Amino acid sequence: MTRSGCPVQGFLAWSLFGWGVFWVGGSSLAQTSPSPSPSRTELNTKAANVAAGVRAAQNALTPQEMAIADQVELGRIPCAEGGVVYIAADKLTPGLFTVQSGKHLFRMQPVVSNTGAIRLEDASAGGLWLQLPSKSMLMHQKTGSRIADECMTAAQLAVSAGLKNQPPISVFEPAPKP
């Protein structure tokens, strides 16, 4: 028995009270619930954008490295023994290069060198491009081998020919008298 004395009346009173609490609670829950969570695709897209930003920051070149990048010879470069190296500037990331010879493909960036040589490296794949005034070479640092040697552009051929006609003065010989 309920306080009112009638079991049916007490049941109805408590039932209506319960529905009222549910209705009032339901409306307040709908107002305070957070917005729907982002989909997996949205989360993956945001994560990819953050990762791209981190990679861009890591790959950002210094002004000195960009100056080196401006001196890199591009295009098809013939090498000794019929080899060929192709160098192309990366269209999406200024200062980076794609270097290919045969089955070897590298994504390289300039590295500051104390010798003054133009040096490009792909640290993850082990590729190294050295460009000197008279010739260039492509090496594979992980295997310790040369992939292409004595590669020469037209400008390097001219320097090489000039060195044959007028060899540089040796530091071990006395200086010529004026």
C-alpha atoms as a PDB file:
ATOM      1  CA  MET A   1       0.000   0.000   0.000  1.00  0.00           C
ATOM      2  CA  THR A   2       1.028   3.545  -0.592  1.00  0.00           C
ATOM      3  CA  ARG A   3       0.455   6.572   1.588  1.00  0.00           C
ATOM      4  CA  SER A   4      -2.702   7.505  -0.275  1.00  0.00           C
ATOM      5  CA  GLY A   5      -4.150   4.134   0.583  1.00  0.00           C
ATOM      6  CA  CYS A   6      -4.856   3.057  -2.981  1.00  0.00           C
ATOM      7  CA  PRO A   7      -2.180   0.974  -4.643  1.00  0.00           C
ATOM      8  CA  VAL A   8      -3.185   1.920  -8.199  1.00  0.00           C
ATOM      9  CA  GLN A   9      -3.286   5.595  -7.424  1.00  0.00           C
ATOM     10  CA  GLY A  10       0.191   5.418  -5.811  1.00  0.00           C
ATOM     11  CA  PHE A  11       1.580   3.531  -8.818  1.00  0.00           C
ATOM     12  CA  LEU A  12       0.205   6.135 -11.212  1.00  0.00           C
ATOM     13  CA  ALA A  13       1.590   8.970  -9.117  1.00  0.00           C
ATOM     14  CA  TRP A  14       5.060   7.468  -9.005  1.00  0.00           C
ATOM     15  CA  SER A  15       4.922   6.552 -12.702  1.00  0.00           C
ATOM     16  CA  LEU A  16       3.946  10.054 -13.741  1.00  0.00           C
ATOM     17  CA  PHE A  17       6.598  11.483 -11.440  1.00  0.00           C
ATOM     18  CA  GLY A  18       9.200   9.157 -13.028  1.00  0.00           C
ATOM     19  CA  TRP A  19       8.198  10.169 -16.545  1.00  0.00           C
ATOM     20  CA  GLY A  20       8.372  13.823 -15.566  1.00  0.00           C
ATOM     21  CA  VAL A  21      11.912  13.435 -14.244  1.00  0.00           C
ATOM     22  CA  PHE A  22      12.895  11.544 -17.360  1.00  0.00           C
ATOM     23  CA  TRP A  23      11.379  14.178 -19.608  1.00  0.00           C
ATOM     24  CA  VAL A  24      12.959  17.081 -17.754  1.00  0.00           C
ATOM     25  CA  GLY A  25      16.289  15.237 -17.443  1.00  0.00           C
ATOM     26  CA  GLY A  26      16.192  14.230 -21.095  1.00  0.00           C
ATOM     27  CA  SER A  27      15.730  17.781 -22.278  1.00  0.00           C
ATOM     28  CA  SER A  28      18.576  19.022 -20.108  1.00  0.00           C
ATOM     29  CA  LEU A  29      20.840  16.202 -21.296  1.00  0.00           C
ATOM     30  CA  ALA A  30      20.184  17.087 -24.909  1.00  0.00           C
ATOM     31  CA  GLN A  31      21.209  20.672 -24.242  1.00  0.00           C
ATOM     32  CA  THR A  32      24.466  19.878 -22.407  1.00  0.00           C
ATOM     33  CA  SER A  33      25.729  16.905 -24.426  1.00  0.00           C
ATOM     34  CA  PRO A  34      28.943  17.572 -26.358  1.00  0.00           C
ATOM     35  CA  SER A  35      28.926  17.886 -30.122  1.00  0.00           C
ATOM     36  CA  PRO A  36      29.302  14.607 -31.982  1.00  0.00           C
ATOM     37  CA  SER A  37      32.855  13.313 -32.083  1.00  0.00           C
ATOM     38  CA  PRO A  38      34.768  13.777 -35.345  1.00  0.00           C
ATOM     39  CA  SER A  39      34.767  10.904 -37.764  1.00  0.00           C
ATOM     40  CA  ARG A  40      37.804   8.701 -38.220  1.00  0.00           C
ATOM     41  CA  THR A  41      38.410  10.300 -41.622  1.00  0.00           C
ATOM     42  CA  GLU A  42      38.487  13.792 -40.094  1.00  0.00           C
ATOM     43  CA  LEU A  43      40.911  12.632 -37.405  1.00  0.00           C
ATOM     44  CA  ASN A  44      43.175  10.983 -40.000  1.00  0.00           C
ATOM     45  CA  THR A  45      43.117  14.132 -42.119  1.00  0.00           C
ATOM     46  CA  LYS A  46      44.029  16.315 -39.150  1.00  0.00           C
ATOM     47  CA  ALA A  47      46.806  13.927 -38.136  1.00  0.00           C
ATOM     48  CA  ALA A  48      48.178  13.887 -41.706  1.00  0.00           C
ATOM     49  CA  ASN A  49      48.172  17.701 -41.792  1.00  0.00           C
ATOM     50  CA  VAL A  50      50.046  17.893 -38.499  1.00  0.00           C
ATOM     51  CA  ALA A  51      52.580  15.312 -39.713  1.00  0.00           C
ATOM     52  CA  ALA A  52      53.074  17.264 -42.954  1.00  0.00           C
ATOM     53  CA  GLY A  53      53.711  20.415 -40.949  1.00  0.00           C
ATOM     54  CA  VAL A  54      56.272  18.634 -38.787  1.00  0.00           C
ATOM     55  CA  ARG A  55      58.033  17.225 -41.876  1.00  0.00           C
ATOM     56  CA  ALA A  56      58.056  20.669 -43.498  1.00  0.00           C
ATOM     57  CA  ALA A  57      59.618  22.182 -40.387  1.00  0.00           C
ATOM     58  CA  GLN A  58      62.223  19.430 -40.246  1.00  0.00           C
ATOM     59  CA  ASN A  59      63.019  19.791 -43.948  1.00  0.00           C
ATOM     60  CA  ALA A  60      63.192  23.577 -43.880  1.00  0.00           C
ATOM     61  CA  LEU A  61      66.486  24.631 -45.389  1.00  0.00           C
ATOM     62  CA  THR A  62      68.755  27.308 -44.032  1.00  0.00           C
ATOM     63  CA  PRO A  63      69.653  30.289 -46.239  1.00  0.00           C
ATOM     64  CA  GLN A  64      73.117  28.760 -46.706  1.00  0.00           C
ATOM     65  CA  GLU A  65      71.594  25.458 -47.910  1.00  0.00           C
ATOM     66  CA  MET A  66      69.250  27.339 -50.261  1.00  0.00           C
ATOM     67  CA  ALA A  67      72.293  29.137 -51.716  1.00  0.00           C
ATOM     68  CA  ILE A  68      73.869  25.737 -52.396  1.00  0.00           C
ATOM     69  CA  ALA A  69      70.625  24.521 -53.991  1.00  0.00           C
ATOM     70  CA  ASP A  70      70.726  27.438 -56.440  1.00  0.00           C
ATOM     71  CA  GLN A  71      74.081  26.165 -57.790  1.00  0.00           C
ATOM     72  CA  VAL A  72      73.010  22.571 -58.515  1.00  0.00           C
ATOM     73  CA  GLU A  73      73.196  21.622 -62.212  1.00  0.00           C
ATOM     74  CA  LEU A  74      69.863  20.175 -63.400  1.00  0.00           C
ATOM     75  CA  GLY A  75      68.858  17.903 -66.248  1.00  0.00           C
ATOM     76  CA  ARG A  76      70.428  14.925 -67.975  1.00  0.00           C
ATOM     77  CA  ILE A  77      74.115  14.654 -67.122  1.00  0.00           C
ATOM     78  CA  PRO A  78      76.245  12.129 -69.073  1.00  0.00           C
ATOM     79  CA  CYS A  79      78.857  10.188 -67.116  1.00  0.00           C
ATOM     80  CA  ALA A  80      81.812   7.889 -67.754  1.00  0.00           C
ATOM     81  CA  GLU A  81      81.188   4.411 -69.148  1.00  0.00           C
ATOM     82  CA  GLY A  82      77.868   5.448 -70.713  1.00  0.00           C
ATOM     83  CA  GLY A  83      76.164   6.255 -67.409  1.00  0.00           C
ATOM     84  CA  VAL A  84      73.607   9.015 -67.048  1.00  0.00           C
ATOM     85  CA  VAL A  85      72.324  10.913 -64.016  1.00  0.00           C
ATOM     86  CA  TYR A  86      69.054  12.839 -64.076  1.00  0.00           C
ATOM     87  CA  ILE A  87      68.604  15.673 -61.597  1.00  0.00           C
ATOM     88  CA  ALA A  88      65.311  17.520 -61.196  1.00  0.00           C
ATOM     89  CA  ALA A  89      64.268  20.156 -58.683  1.00  0.00           C
ATOM     90  CA  ASP A  90      61.409  19.100 -56.408  1.00  0.00           C
ATOM     91  CA  LYS A  91      58.375  21.132 -57.463  1.00  0.00           C
ATOM     92  CA  LEU A  92      56.699  20.984 -54.051  1.00  0.00           C
ATOM     93  CA  THR A  93      59.695  21.628 -51.796  1.00  0.00           C
ATOM     94  CA  PRO A  94      62.188  24.269 -52.949  1.00  0.00           C
ATOM     95  CA  GLY A  95      65.787  23.235 -52.372  1.00  0.00           C
ATOM     96  CA  LEU A  96      65.175  19.483 -52.630  1.00  0.00           C
ATOM     97  CA  PHE A  97      66.076  17.380 -55.669  1.00  0.00           C
ATOM     98  CA  THR A  98      65.262  14.055 -57.268  1.00  0.00           C
ATOM     99  CA  VAL A  99      68.431  12.309 -58.446  1.00  0.00           C
ATOM    100  CA  GLN A 100      68.184   9.160 -60.542  1.00  0.00           C
ATOM    101  CA  SER A 101      70.683   6.879 -62.213  1.00  0.00           C
ATOM    102  CA  GLY A 102      69.599   3.481 -63.476  1.00  0.00           C
ATOM    103  CA  LYS A 103      67.612   1.726 -60.754  1.00  0.00           C
ATOM    104  CA  HIS A 104      68.783   4.178 -58.063  1.00  0.00           C
ATOM    105  CA  LEU A 105      66.382   6.962 -57.099  1.00  0.00           C
ATOM    106  CA  PHE A 106      67.140   9.469 -54.345  1.00  0.00           C
ATOM    107  CA  ARG A 107      65.428  12.504 -52.841  1.00  0.00           C
ATOM    108  CA  MET A 108      68.305  14.759 -51.862  1.00  0.00           C
ATOM    109  CA  GLN A 109      68.846  17.999 -50.038  1.00  0.00           C
ATOM    110  CA  PRO A 110      71.866  20.310 -49.912  1.00  0.00           C
ATOM    111  CA  VAL A 111      74.440  19.850 -47.175  1.00  0.00           C
ATOM    112  CA  VAL A 112      76.955  22.509 -46.206  1.00  0.00           C
ATOM    113  CA  SER A 113      80.501  21.412 -47.004  1.00  0.00           C
ATOM    114  CA  ASN A 114      83.781  22.883 -45.781  1.00  0.00           C
ATOM    115  CA  THR A 115      85.463  22.056 -49.095  1.00  0.00           C
ATOM    116  CA  GLY A 116      83.220  24.257 -51.205  1.00  0.00           C
ATOM    117  CA  ALA A 117      81.904  21.284 -53.169  1.00  0.00           C
ATOM    118  CA  ILE A 118      78.198  21.210 -53.858  1.00  0.00           C
ATOM    119  CA  ARG A 119      76.936  18.279 -51.856  1.00  0.00           C
ATOM    120  CA  LEU A 120      73.467  16.704 -51.949  1.00  0.00           C
ATOM    121  CA  GLU A 121      72.493  13.853 -49.633  1.00  0.00           C
ATOM    122  CA  ASP A 122      69.644  11.427 -49.102  1.00  0.00           C
ATOM    123  CA  ALA A 123      70.446  10.355 -45.547  1.00  0.00           C
ATOM    124  CA  SER A 124      67.770   7.648 -45.358  1.00  0.00           C
ATOM    125  CA  ALA A 125      68.667   5.929 -48.653  1.00  0.00           C
ATOM    126  CA  GLY A 126      72.404   6.645 -48.502  1.00  0.00           C
ATOM    127  CA  GLY A 127      72.740   8.621 -51.729  1.00  0.00           C
ATOM    128  CA  LEU A 128      75.397  11.305 -52.151  1.00  0.00           C
ATOM    129  CA  TRP A 129      75.876  13.675 -55.116  1.00  0.00           C
ATOM    130  CA  LEU A 130      79.133  15.627 -55.240  1.00  0.00           C
ATOM    131  CA  GLN A 131      79.378  18.423 -57.767  1.00  0.00           C
ATOM    132  CA  LEU A 132      82.812  19.935 -58.314  1.00  0.00           C
ATOM    133  CA  PRO A 133      83.675  22.638 -60.856  1.00  0.00           C
ATOM    134  CA  SER A 134      85.190  20.067 -63.258  1.00  0.00           C
ATOM    135  CA  LYS A 135      83.074  16.942 -62.674  1.00  0.00           C
ATOM    136  CA  SER A 136      80.408  15.310 -60.519  1.00  0.00           C
ATOM    137  CA  MET A 137      79.802  11.859 -59.069  1.00  0.00           C
ATOM    138  CA  LEU A 138      76.947   9.893 -57.532  1.00  0.00           C
ATOM    139  CA  MET A 139      77.823   7.601 -54.651  1.00  0.00           C
ATOM    140  CA  HIS A 140      75.969   5.117 -52.483  1.00  0.00           C
ATOM    141  CA  GLN A 141      77.256   5.650 -48.945  1.00  0.00           C
ATOM    142  CA  LYS A 142      75.657   2.528 -47.464  1.00  0.00           C
ATOM    143  CA  THR A 143      77.442   0.198 -49.871  1.00  0.00           C
ATOM    144  CA  GLY A 144      80.519   2.394 -50.246  1.00  0.00           C
ATOM    145  CA  SER A 145      80.343   2.312 -54.037  1.00  0.00           C
ATOM    146  CA  ARG A 146      80.204   4.824 -56.867  1.00  0.00           C
ATOM    147  CA  ILE A 147      77.047   4.645 -58.925  1.00  0.00           C
ATOM    148  CA  ALA A 148      78.193   7.156 -61.568  1.00  0.00           C
ATOM    149  CA  ASP A 149      81.580   8.813 -61.983  1.00  0.00           C
ATOM    150  CA  GLU A 150      83.015  11.649 -64.063  1.00  0.00           C
ATOM    151  CA  CYS A 151      79.597  13.131 -64.822  1.00  0.00           C
ATOM    152  CA  MET A 152      79.929  16.433 -66.680  1.00  0.00           C
ATOM    153  CA  THR A 153      77.580  19.171 -67.753  1.00  0.00           C
ATOM    154  CA  ALA A 154      78.564  21.593 -70.535  1.00  0.00           C
ATOM    155  CA  ALA A 155      79.917  24.064 -67.952  1.00  0.00           C
ATOM    156  CA  GLN A 156      81.972  21.328 -66.283  1.00  0.00           C
ATOM    157  CA  LEU A 157      83.373  20.201 -69.649  1.00  0.00           C
ATOM    158  CA  ALA A 158      84.593  23.766 -70.259  1.00  0.00           C
ATOM    159  CA  VAL A 159      86.276  23.904 -66.838  1.00  0.00           C
ATOM    160  CA  SER A 160      87.856  20.485 -67.401  1.00  0.00           C
ATOM    161  CA  ALA A 161      89.209  21.540 -70.804  1.00  0.00           C
ATOM    162  CA  GLY A 162      90.582  24.742 -69.283  1.00  0.00           C
ATOM    163  CA  LEU A 163      92.368  22.748 -66.578  1.00  0.00           C
ATOM    164  CA  LYS A 164      94.040  20.582 -69.243  1.00  0.00           C
ATOM    165  CA  ASN A 165      95.310  23.676 -71.070  1.00  0.00           C
ATOM    166  CA  GLN A 166      96.405  25.520 -67.922  1.00  0.00           C
ATOM    167  CA  PRO A 167      96.865  23.156 -64.997  1.00  0.00           C
ATOM    168  CA  PRO A 168      96.621  24.745 -61.565  1.00  0.00           C
ATOM    169  CA  ILE A 169      99.835  25.684 -59.800  1.00  0.00           C
ATOM    170  CA  SER A 170     100.973  23.049 -57.342  1.00  0.00           C
ATOM    171  CA  VAL A 171     101.391  24.116 -53.758  1.00  0.00           C
ATOM    172  CA  PHE A 172     104.560  22.015 -53.607  1.00  0.00           C
ATOM    173  CA  GLU A 173     106.353  23.854 -56.419  1.00  0.00           C
ATOM    174  CA  PRO A 174     107.857  27.319 -56.143  1.00  0.00           C
ATOM    175  CA  ALA A 175     105.657  30.142 -57.382  1.00  0.00           C
ATOM    176  CA  PRO A 176     106.496  31.410 -60.886  1.00  0.00           C
ATOM    177  CA  LYS A 177     108.387  34.669 -61.099  1.00  0.00           C
ATOM    178  CA  PRO A 178     106.416  37.601 -62.497  1.00  0.00           C
END
